[in-house]
Protein backbone atom coordinates (compact mmCIF):
# COMPACT_ATOMS: atom_id res chain seq x y z
CA MET A 1 81.53 99.44 94.24
CA LYS A 2 84.11 101.80 95.69
CA ALA A 3 86.97 100.49 97.80
CA PRO A 4 86.97 101.43 101.50
CA TYR A 5 89.51 103.97 102.73
CA THR A 6 91.55 103.01 105.66
CA CYS A 7 94.28 104.54 107.75
CA SER A 8 97.17 102.63 106.31
CA THR A 9 100.91 102.19 106.47
CA SER A 10 103.05 104.17 104.06
CA PRO A 11 106.45 103.70 102.43
CA SER A 12 107.20 107.28 103.52
CA TYR A 13 107.40 105.85 107.14
CA SER A 14 109.54 102.81 106.41
CA ILE A 15 112.17 101.39 108.67
CA GLN A 16 114.84 98.78 108.08
CA MET A 17 116.10 96.87 111.04
CA ARG A 18 119.08 94.67 111.35
CA LEU A 19 118.14 91.77 113.58
CA GLU A 20 120.36 89.16 115.20
CA ILE A 21 118.07 86.23 115.51
CA ASP A 22 118.54 82.80 117.29
CA ASN A 23 118.75 80.32 114.43
CA VAL A 24 115.85 78.06 115.53
CA ILE A 25 112.78 76.96 113.69
CA GLY A 26 109.82 79.28 114.02
CA LYS A 27 111.71 82.28 115.37
CA PHE A 28 111.10 84.41 112.28
CA ALA A 29 107.43 83.50 112.37
CA GLN A 30 107.37 85.01 115.83
CA ILE A 31 108.98 88.19 114.55
CA ALA A 32 106.38 88.47 111.65
CA THR A 33 103.58 87.94 114.20
CA ALA A 34 104.94 90.71 116.46
CA ILE A 35 105.13 93.12 113.44
CA SER A 36 101.53 92.24 112.40
CA ILE A 37 100.19 92.64 116.00
CA ALA A 38 101.86 96.16 116.07
CA GLY A 39 100.09 97.05 112.76
CA GLY A 40 103.24 97.04 110.66
CA ASN A 41 103.36 96.00 107.03
CA LEU A 42 106.19 93.56 106.51
CA GLY A 43 108.23 94.17 103.33
CA ALA A 44 111.63 92.86 102.18
CA VAL A 45 113.56 90.36 104.33
CA ASP A 46 117.21 89.76 103.45
CA ILE A 47 119.77 87.48 105.00
CA VAL A 48 123.00 89.42 105.72
CA ARG A 49 125.02 86.53 107.17
CA ALA A 50 124.84 83.38 109.21
CA GLU A 51 126.87 82.93 112.33
CA ARG A 52 127.20 80.09 114.78
CA GLY A 53 123.68 79.69 116.23
CA LYS A 54 122.63 83.05 114.93
CA ILE A 55 121.35 84.54 111.73
CA ILE A 56 121.53 88.23 110.81
CA ARG A 57 118.60 89.53 108.77
CA ASP A 58 117.68 93.01 107.42
CA VAL A 59 113.84 93.42 107.74
CA THR A 60 111.85 96.22 106.15
CA VAL A 61 108.54 97.34 107.66
CA ASP A 62 106.16 100.18 106.66
CA ALA A 63 104.45 102.10 109.48
CA ARG A 64 101.79 104.80 109.75
CA ASP A 65 103.91 107.55 111.31
CA ALA A 66 107.12 108.06 113.22
CA GLU A 67 105.50 106.98 116.54
CA HIS A 68 104.26 103.87 114.92
CA GLU A 69 107.79 103.04 113.79
CA LYS A 70 108.82 103.06 117.43
CA GLU A 71 105.95 100.88 118.45
CA ILE A 72 106.88 98.21 115.78
CA ALA A 73 110.47 98.21 116.94
CA ALA A 74 109.50 97.79 120.53
CA SER A 75 107.20 94.87 119.55
CA ILE A 76 110.18 93.10 117.81
CA ARG A 77 112.53 93.73 120.82
CA ALA A 78 109.94 91.92 123.00
CA VAL A 79 110.40 88.76 121.12
CA GLY A 80 112.83 86.43 122.93
CA GLY A 81 115.99 85.35 121.11
CA VAL A 82 115.93 88.55 118.89
CA ARG A 83 118.31 91.51 119.24
CA VAL A 84 117.88 94.73 117.21
CA LEU A 85 121.41 95.68 116.08
CA LYS A 86 120.45 98.78 114.13
CA THR A 87 117.30 100.65 113.12
CA MET A 88 117.41 102.95 109.95
CA ASP A 89 114.57 105.27 108.71
CA ARG A 90 114.73 104.57 104.97
CA THR A 91 113.20 107.95 104.08
CA PHE A 92 115.99 109.79 105.87
CA SER A 93 118.58 107.37 104.42
CA SER A 94 117.31 108.09 100.91
CA HIS A 95 118.17 111.76 101.46
CA GLU A 96 121.65 111.18 102.77
CA GLY A 97 124.10 113.39 100.93
CA GLY A 98 121.35 114.74 98.64
CA LYS A 99 119.39 112.99 95.98
CA ILE A 100 120.76 114.50 92.75
CA GLU A 101 124.14 115.03 91.14
CA ILE A 102 125.73 116.38 87.94
CA ARG A 103 127.41 114.03 85.45
CA SER A 104 129.41 114.66 82.30
CA LYS A 105 127.85 113.41 79.04
CA MET A 106 131.26 112.44 77.69
CA GLN A 107 134.60 111.38 79.15
CA ILE A 108 137.82 113.35 79.14
CA ARG A 109 140.31 110.60 78.44
CA ASP A 110 143.29 112.60 76.97
CA ARG A 111 144.56 115.89 75.63
CA SER A 112 142.58 115.57 72.47
CA ASP A 113 139.30 115.29 74.44
CA LEU A 114 140.27 118.15 76.76
CA SER A 115 141.15 120.41 73.71
CA GLN A 116 137.66 119.91 72.30
CA VAL A 117 135.45 120.37 75.37
CA TYR A 118 137.67 122.98 76.92
CA THR A 119 140.44 125.27 75.87
CA PRO A 120 141.47 125.84 73.04
CA GLY A 121 138.55 124.22 71.07
CA VAL A 122 135.80 125.70 73.23
CA ALA A 123 136.67 129.22 72.20
CA ARG A 124 135.32 128.40 68.66
CA VAL A 125 131.95 127.45 70.01
CA CYS A 126 131.96 130.43 72.29
CA MET A 127 132.41 132.77 69.32
CA ASP A 128 129.79 131.00 67.29
CA ILE A 129 127.21 131.66 70.00
CA PHE A 130 128.50 135.28 70.17
CA HIS A 131 127.74 135.75 66.45
CA HIS A 132 124.61 133.54 66.53
CA PRO A 133 122.95 133.91 69.95
CA GLU A 134 120.22 131.41 69.04
CA HIS A 135 122.88 128.71 68.95
CA VAL A 136 123.02 128.75 72.79
CA TYR A 137 120.17 126.22 72.45
CA ARG A 138 122.19 124.03 70.25
CA TYR A 139 125.59 124.09 71.97
CA THR A 140 124.74 124.34 75.66
CA ILE A 141 122.41 122.76 78.22
CA LYS A 142 119.87 125.59 77.89
CA LYS A 143 117.56 123.65 75.51
CA ASN A 144 116.91 120.94 78.24
CA THR A 145 117.36 122.66 81.52
CA VAL A 146 114.92 124.03 84.01
CA ALA A 147 115.59 126.00 87.27
CA ILE A 148 113.43 125.07 90.25
CA ILE A 149 113.18 128.42 92.16
CA THR A 150 111.96 128.68 95.71
CA ASP A 151 112.15 130.87 98.79
CA GLY A 152 110.83 128.22 101.06
CA THR A 153 107.84 130.26 102.19
CA ALA A 154 105.05 127.74 101.32
CA VAL A 155 106.50 124.25 101.39
CA LEU A 156 104.02 121.39 100.98
CA GLY A 157 101.67 121.57 104.07
CA LEU A 158 104.61 122.90 106.28
CA GLY A 159 104.41 126.58 105.49
CA ASP A 160 107.33 129.02 105.74
CA ILE A 161 110.28 126.78 106.69
CA GLY A 162 112.94 128.60 104.77
CA PRO A 163 115.26 127.86 101.88
CA ASP A 164 117.38 125.22 103.56
CA ALA A 165 114.56 123.05 104.81
CA ALA A 166 112.88 123.44 101.40
CA MET A 167 115.85 121.83 99.50
CA PRO A 168 114.83 118.12 99.85
CA VAL A 169 111.49 119.01 98.06
CA MET A 170 113.30 120.83 95.39
CA GLU A 171 115.77 117.97 94.88
CA GLY A 172 112.88 115.53 94.67
CA LYS A 173 111.27 117.67 91.99
CA ALA A 174 114.52 117.58 90.03
CA MET A 175 114.54 113.86 90.29
CA ILE A 176 110.97 113.70 88.85
CA PHE A 177 111.90 116.02 85.95
CA LYS A 178 114.79 113.82 85.02
CA GLU A 179 113.15 110.36 85.56
CA PHE A 180 109.88 111.11 83.79
CA ALA A 181 110.72 113.78 81.14
CA ASP A 182 114.56 113.54 80.82
CA ILE A 183 114.83 117.16 81.72
CA ASP A 184 117.86 118.39 83.71
CA ALA A 185 116.56 120.52 86.44
CA PHE A 186 118.44 122.14 89.27
CA PRO A 187 117.12 123.44 92.67
CA ILE A 188 117.80 127.03 93.50
CA ALA A 189 116.68 128.01 97.03
CA LEU A 190 116.89 131.84 97.53
CA ARG A 191 117.69 133.42 100.83
CA THR A 192 115.31 136.27 100.37
CA LYS A 193 111.60 136.81 100.62
CA ASP A 194 111.57 140.16 98.87
CA PRO A 195 109.74 139.93 95.54
CA ASP A 196 111.94 142.49 93.91
CA GLU A 197 115.12 140.60 94.88
CA ILE A 198 113.63 137.28 93.72
CA VAL A 199 112.71 138.72 90.33
CA GLU A 200 116.13 140.40 89.87
CA THR A 201 117.97 137.26 90.95
CA VAL A 202 116.06 134.96 88.68
CA LYS A 203 116.49 137.39 85.67
CA ASN A 204 120.25 137.46 86.38
CA ILE A 205 120.68 133.68 86.51
CA ALA A 206 118.33 132.83 83.67
CA THR A 207 120.99 132.28 80.92
CA PRO A 208 121.66 128.55 81.41
CA PHE A 209 117.91 127.63 81.51
CA GLY A 210 115.19 127.04 79.13
CA GLY A 211 112.50 127.34 81.57
CA MET A 212 111.67 128.48 85.18
CA ASN A 213 109.63 126.32 87.62
CA LEU A 214 108.65 128.50 90.55
CA GLU A 215 107.83 126.35 93.57
CA ASP A 216 106.57 126.80 97.12
CA ILE A 217 106.48 130.57 97.08
CA SER A 218 103.66 131.90 99.23
CA ALA A 219 100.61 133.80 98.04
CA PRO A 220 99.82 136.57 97.17
CA ARG A 221 103.62 137.26 96.41
CA CYS A 222 103.81 134.40 94.03
CA PHE A 223 101.25 136.01 91.57
CA ASP A 224 103.29 139.22 91.25
CA ILE A 225 106.63 137.30 90.98
CA GLU A 226 105.36 135.04 88.25
CA MET A 227 103.76 137.79 86.28
CA ARG A 228 106.83 140.02 86.42
CA LEU A 229 109.08 137.12 85.39
CA ARG A 230 106.90 136.14 82.53
CA LYS A 231 107.12 139.76 81.21
CA ALA A 232 110.92 139.85 81.76
CA LEU A 233 111.97 136.43 80.33
CA ALA A 234 111.43 134.92 76.87
CA MET A 235 111.00 131.42 78.26
CA PRO A 236 108.30 129.50 80.08
CA VAL A 237 107.81 130.58 83.76
CA ILE A 238 105.33 128.47 85.63
CA HIS A 239 104.46 128.52 89.33
CA ASP A 240 103.72 124.85 89.61
CA ASP A 241 101.74 125.12 92.84
CA GLN A 242 99.27 127.15 90.89
CA HIS A 243 99.14 125.71 87.39
CA GLY A 244 100.27 122.08 87.91
CA THR A 245 97.51 121.52 90.55
CA ALA A 246 94.92 123.36 88.27
CA VAL A 247 95.80 121.28 85.20
CA VAL A 248 95.45 117.99 87.03
CA ALA A 249 92.26 119.12 88.87
CA LEU A 250 90.68 120.05 85.57
CA SER A 251 91.68 116.81 84.01
CA ALA A 252 90.02 114.83 86.78
CA LEU A 253 86.79 116.92 86.45
CA ILE A 254 86.82 116.38 82.73
CA ASN A 255 86.87 112.56 83.45
CA VAL A 256 84.06 113.01 86.01
CA GLY A 257 82.01 114.39 83.20
CA ARG A 258 82.95 111.59 80.85
CA LEU A 259 82.20 108.91 83.54
CA LEU A 260 78.80 110.49 84.58
CA ARG A 261 77.99 111.62 81.01
CA LYS A 262 77.36 115.14 82.19
CA ASP A 263 78.46 118.51 80.83
CA ILE A 264 80.73 119.87 83.61
CA ARG A 265 80.33 123.26 82.23
CA LYS A 266 76.87 123.29 83.90
CA PHE A 267 78.27 122.24 87.27
CA ARG A 268 78.11 124.50 90.22
CA VAL A 269 81.55 124.46 91.97
CA ALA A 270 82.28 125.47 95.66
CA MET A 271 85.95 125.95 96.51
CA VAL A 272 87.85 126.69 99.73
CA GLY A 273 91.29 128.04 99.40
CA ALA A 274 91.92 131.35 97.57
CA GLY A 275 95.74 131.06 97.53
CA ALA A 276 97.98 129.99 94.68
CA ALA A 277 96.37 126.70 93.85
CA GLY A 278 92.71 127.86 94.47
CA THR A 279 93.06 130.94 92.31
CA ALA A 280 94.65 128.97 89.40
CA ILE A 281 91.95 126.28 89.62
CA ALA A 282 89.19 128.77 89.53
CA LYS A 283 90.72 130.49 86.43
CA ILE A 284 91.30 127.28 84.52
CA LEU A 285 87.80 126.12 85.20
CA LEU A 286 86.59 129.38 83.91
CA ALA A 287 88.78 129.13 80.85
CA TYR A 288 87.25 125.63 80.28
CA GLY A 289 83.71 127.17 80.41
CA ILE A 290 82.52 126.53 83.94
CA ARG A 291 80.88 129.78 85.05
CA ASP A 292 79.31 129.02 88.46
CA ILE A 293 82.29 128.97 90.88
CA THR A 294 82.30 130.31 94.33
CA VAL A 295 85.55 130.61 96.16
CA CYS A 296 86.01 130.88 99.94
CA ASP A 297 88.86 131.85 102.10
CA SER A 298 89.32 131.74 105.92
CA GLN A 299 86.85 134.60 106.16
CA GLY A 300 84.13 133.01 104.10
CA THR A 301 82.92 133.57 100.49
CA VAL A 302 84.85 135.89 98.28
CA TYR A 303 82.54 138.28 96.53
CA ALA A 304 82.59 141.71 94.85
CA GLY A 305 82.26 144.37 97.46
CA ARG A 306 83.53 142.48 100.45
CA ARG A 307 85.20 145.02 102.58
CA THR A 308 87.17 143.02 105.16
CA HIS A 309 90.30 140.91 104.75
CA MET A 310 90.57 141.86 101.01
CA ASN A 311 93.63 142.59 98.89
CA PRO A 312 94.14 143.36 95.16
CA HIS A 313 94.40 139.63 94.38
CA LEU A 314 91.11 138.76 96.23
CA SER A 315 89.36 141.75 94.63
CA ALA A 316 90.36 140.55 91.11
CA LEU A 317 89.18 137.07 91.85
CA ALA A 318 85.87 138.29 93.30
CA LYS A 319 85.18 140.04 89.95
CA ILE A 320 85.36 136.76 87.97
CA THR A 321 83.70 134.32 90.38
CA ASN A 322 80.67 133.98 92.67
CA PRO A 323 77.99 134.95 90.10
CA ARG A 324 75.27 134.29 92.72
CA ARG A 325 76.89 136.79 95.06
CA ILE A 326 76.78 134.30 97.88
CA LYS A 327 77.77 135.89 101.22
CA GLY A 328 78.56 133.59 104.11
CA THR A 329 80.51 130.56 105.02
CA ILE A 330 81.81 127.58 103.06
CA SER A 331 78.65 125.78 104.13
CA ASP A 332 76.60 128.42 102.32
CA ALA A 333 78.79 128.16 99.23
CA MET A 334 78.45 124.26 99.20
CA ALA A 335 74.65 124.23 99.46
CA GLY A 336 73.31 122.80 96.20
CA ALA A 337 76.83 122.71 94.60
CA ASN A 338 77.73 119.74 92.40
CA VAL A 339 81.49 119.83 93.08
CA PHE A 340 83.55 120.79 96.08
CA ILE A 341 87.24 121.51 95.60
CA GLY A 342 89.43 122.11 98.61
CA VAL A 343 92.98 123.52 98.58
CA SER A 344 93.25 124.82 102.07
CA ALA A 345 93.55 123.10 105.41
CA PRO A 346 92.45 119.97 107.18
CA ASN A 347 88.85 119.45 108.44
CA VAL A 348 87.31 122.66 107.20
CA ILE A 349 84.11 120.98 105.90
CA THR A 350 81.75 118.40 107.56
CA ALA A 351 79.52 115.50 106.55
CA LYS A 352 76.55 117.94 106.91
CA ASP A 353 78.08 120.27 104.29
CA ILE A 354 78.31 117.31 101.79
CA LYS A 355 74.78 116.28 102.54
CA GLY A 356 73.74 119.80 101.63
CA MET A 357 75.20 119.45 98.11
CA ALA A 358 73.28 118.42 95.02
CA LYS A 359 72.68 114.80 94.21
CA ASP A 360 75.78 112.57 93.56
CA PRO A 361 78.26 115.11 95.04
CA ILE A 362 81.82 115.21 93.80
CA VAL A 363 84.48 116.08 96.41
CA PHE A 364 88.13 116.98 95.71
CA ALA A 365 89.69 117.41 99.11
CA LEU A 366 93.25 118.17 98.12
CA ALA A 367 94.93 119.67 101.27
CA ASN A 368 98.10 117.65 102.05
CA PRO A 369 98.82 115.60 104.07
CA ASP A 370 95.41 115.91 105.78
CA PRO A 371 92.45 116.68 103.56
CA GLU A 372 89.49 119.09 104.17
CA ILE A 373 87.48 116.17 105.32
CA SER A 374 88.48 112.61 106.25
CA PRO A 375 87.89 110.20 103.34
CA ASP A 376 86.42 107.81 105.90
CA VAL A 377 83.66 110.29 106.69
CA ALA A 378 83.16 111.59 103.17
CA LEU A 379 83.21 108.34 101.07
CA PRO A 380 79.77 107.07 102.05
CA LEU A 381 78.23 110.42 101.13
CA VAL A 382 79.87 111.19 97.78
CA LYS A 383 79.67 109.85 94.24
CA ILE A 384 83.37 110.48 93.53
CA MET A 385 86.19 111.50 95.80
CA ALA A 386 89.73 112.64 95.03
CA THR A 387 92.58 113.67 97.43
CA GLY A 388 96.18 114.86 97.22
CA ARG A 389 97.52 111.75 98.81
CA SER A 390 99.18 108.82 97.21
CA ASP A 391 97.64 106.30 99.55
CA PHE A 392 94.11 106.98 98.39
CA PRO A 393 92.61 106.49 94.85
CA ASN A 394 92.29 109.46 92.61
CA GLN A 395 95.39 111.41 93.66
CA ILE A 396 95.43 114.89 92.15
CA ASN A 397 99.17 114.87 91.70
CA ASN A 398 101.18 117.64 89.97
CA MET A 399 103.58 114.89 88.63
CA LEU A 400 100.94 114.22 86.00
CA ALA A 401 101.33 117.74 84.63
CA TYR A 402 104.65 119.53 84.99
CA PRO A 403 107.09 117.07 83.44
CA GLY A 404 105.07 116.81 80.26
CA ILE A 405 104.30 120.61 80.08
CA PHE A 406 107.94 121.58 80.38
CA ARG A 407 108.96 118.78 77.98
CA GLY A 408 106.64 120.09 75.31
CA LEU A 409 107.54 123.77 75.88
CA LEU A 410 111.26 122.97 75.74
CA ASP A 411 110.98 120.88 72.59
CA VAL A 412 109.72 123.86 70.69
CA HIS A 413 111.84 126.49 72.51
CA ALA A 414 108.65 128.16 73.73
CA LYS A 415 109.04 131.80 74.64
CA GLY A 416 106.31 131.66 77.26
CA VAL A 417 103.09 129.77 78.42
CA ASN A 418 99.47 130.50 77.93
CA GLU A 419 96.03 129.23 79.01
CA GLU A 420 95.73 127.19 75.77
CA VAL A 421 98.83 125.21 76.70
CA LYS A 422 97.37 124.32 80.14
CA LEU A 423 93.95 123.38 78.69
CA ALA A 424 95.73 121.14 76.16
CA ALA A 425 97.68 119.45 78.98
CA ALA A 426 94.55 118.88 81.05
CA ASN A 427 92.75 117.30 78.03
CA ALA A 428 95.82 115.04 77.32
CA ILE A 429 95.93 113.80 80.87
CA ALA A 430 92.30 113.17 81.00
CA HIS A 431 92.17 111.13 77.83
CA MET A 432 95.03 108.82 78.93
CA VAL A 433 92.19 107.05 80.78
CA LYS A 434 90.10 105.25 78.30
CA THR A 435 86.29 105.54 78.45
CA GLU A 436 85.93 101.86 79.38
CA GLU A 437 88.53 102.20 82.12
CA LEU A 438 86.78 105.12 83.88
CA HIS A 439 85.53 104.40 87.36
CA GLU A 440 84.68 106.21 90.48
CA ASP A 441 88.11 105.25 91.91
CA TYR A 442 89.95 105.82 88.64
CA ILE A 443 89.50 109.28 87.09
CA VAL A 444 93.17 110.23 86.60
CA PRO A 445 95.99 108.05 85.31
CA SER A 446 98.86 106.78 87.48
CA PRO A 447 101.77 109.28 87.72
CA PHE A 448 103.91 106.29 86.93
CA GLU A 449 102.33 105.80 83.57
CA LYS A 450 105.13 107.30 81.59
CA ARG A 451 103.02 107.58 78.44
CA VAL A 452 101.36 110.49 80.14
CA VAL A 453 104.48 112.66 79.74
CA HIS A 454 104.69 112.03 76.01
CA ALA A 455 101.00 112.68 75.51
CA VAL A 456 101.14 115.98 77.45
CA ALA A 457 104.30 116.98 75.78
CA HIS A 458 102.90 116.46 72.30
CA ALA A 459 99.55 118.30 73.12
CA VAL A 460 101.60 121.16 74.67
CA SER A 461 103.89 121.48 71.74
CA GLU A 462 100.99 121.67 69.28
CA ALA A 463 99.26 124.24 71.38
CA ALA A 464 102.42 126.32 71.62
CA ARG A 465 102.85 126.16 67.79
CA LYS A 466 99.13 127.15 67.18
CA THR A 467 99.29 130.10 69.59
CA GLY A 468 102.62 131.54 68.33
CA LEU A 469 104.67 130.58 71.45
CA ALA A 470 107.01 128.30 69.63
CA GLU A 471 110.35 129.56 68.26
CA ARG A 472 111.30 126.15 66.79
């Protein structure tokens, strides 16, 4: 039996309030009741200090959204004998001063240390690299460093918000690289949208890095930028919005097949979203052997010969998808399909669309933060549902893919990335869930299961070796 979906509170909307409370029996119970009535989720409660007749407590509460945070605070203020001294949004506080820093791996305690890590001793290492360029991987950070490159044109579900506003996302990604794969990653937000300038800039700063993670660059520019950088640089260049999403989506679908004991290669797949993620998902499904895929954009189905709202990217996609040559809307594409995958926008499909699918429909509504259809509406109609959100089961989260993929590629000094690497990563992620553990609400492992990174890294390293990408 599948668990019900509800509109729930989230740690991303978490407030900490410092309260001055009359030190009388039952007063805190009144506060807890006020939080409950307002719909908040009470978390940590800490005593700061006790004063004469008063007690100062820090109370943490999760809310649904920013407006709900205000409602909870107002509910607490209405309790007699309670004064709110300070309210702090914990999400904003966690970003104060940035979320990452650079640390030295060794101390400089005296002149002896200084002469080794800097002048004059460092000159010997410089000349060694000059005579043996491959030693840059041995004696510098290059072997374990990834650049996170963005121009801020396609950030989360926020769109083109620019490089400054994109920085918190890039810092968060750097944290995940370090925490889960022990990779030193650094955010580089470029103040240009010009593909030529982006390509030249990345080429010119590539020396300290062993890999390039392109992030939140809008389509169709991202396809050209990634392709040109892959040709220009002898290192892995991965646009994670494309390939991370695609790898995890395929891993989830592999596990759907394992759970239902069906060959997913025979599934009919309807997709909405022909941008970065949608195109990559379609291509990796094709590489896996799924042939019946129809992709839709805002104008309807993409098909060979469509004359309006086309570009070279869509024309190329049309040549490899939609074998039935379906012309029409997403509803037409979904009719009789086994699987729906959405990477587009909120509320673009309906309950009627799902009812028109094949028996036991599978729905991956991955738009973030609001999916293509509300889980509350879809769940009673589907066999299996996945979203891009962390507060619902079956989250299709890029975190499951990119730390392990880059870890595996860096470990073998890979000079690039290919489809075999991505397929190996998808299979590794899928098989982290044992057959006996598979369930409609558990088709992908938790992103906090750190064994996933090691499994993916191992599979990726092996695929890189077998396909000639490895230089180590």
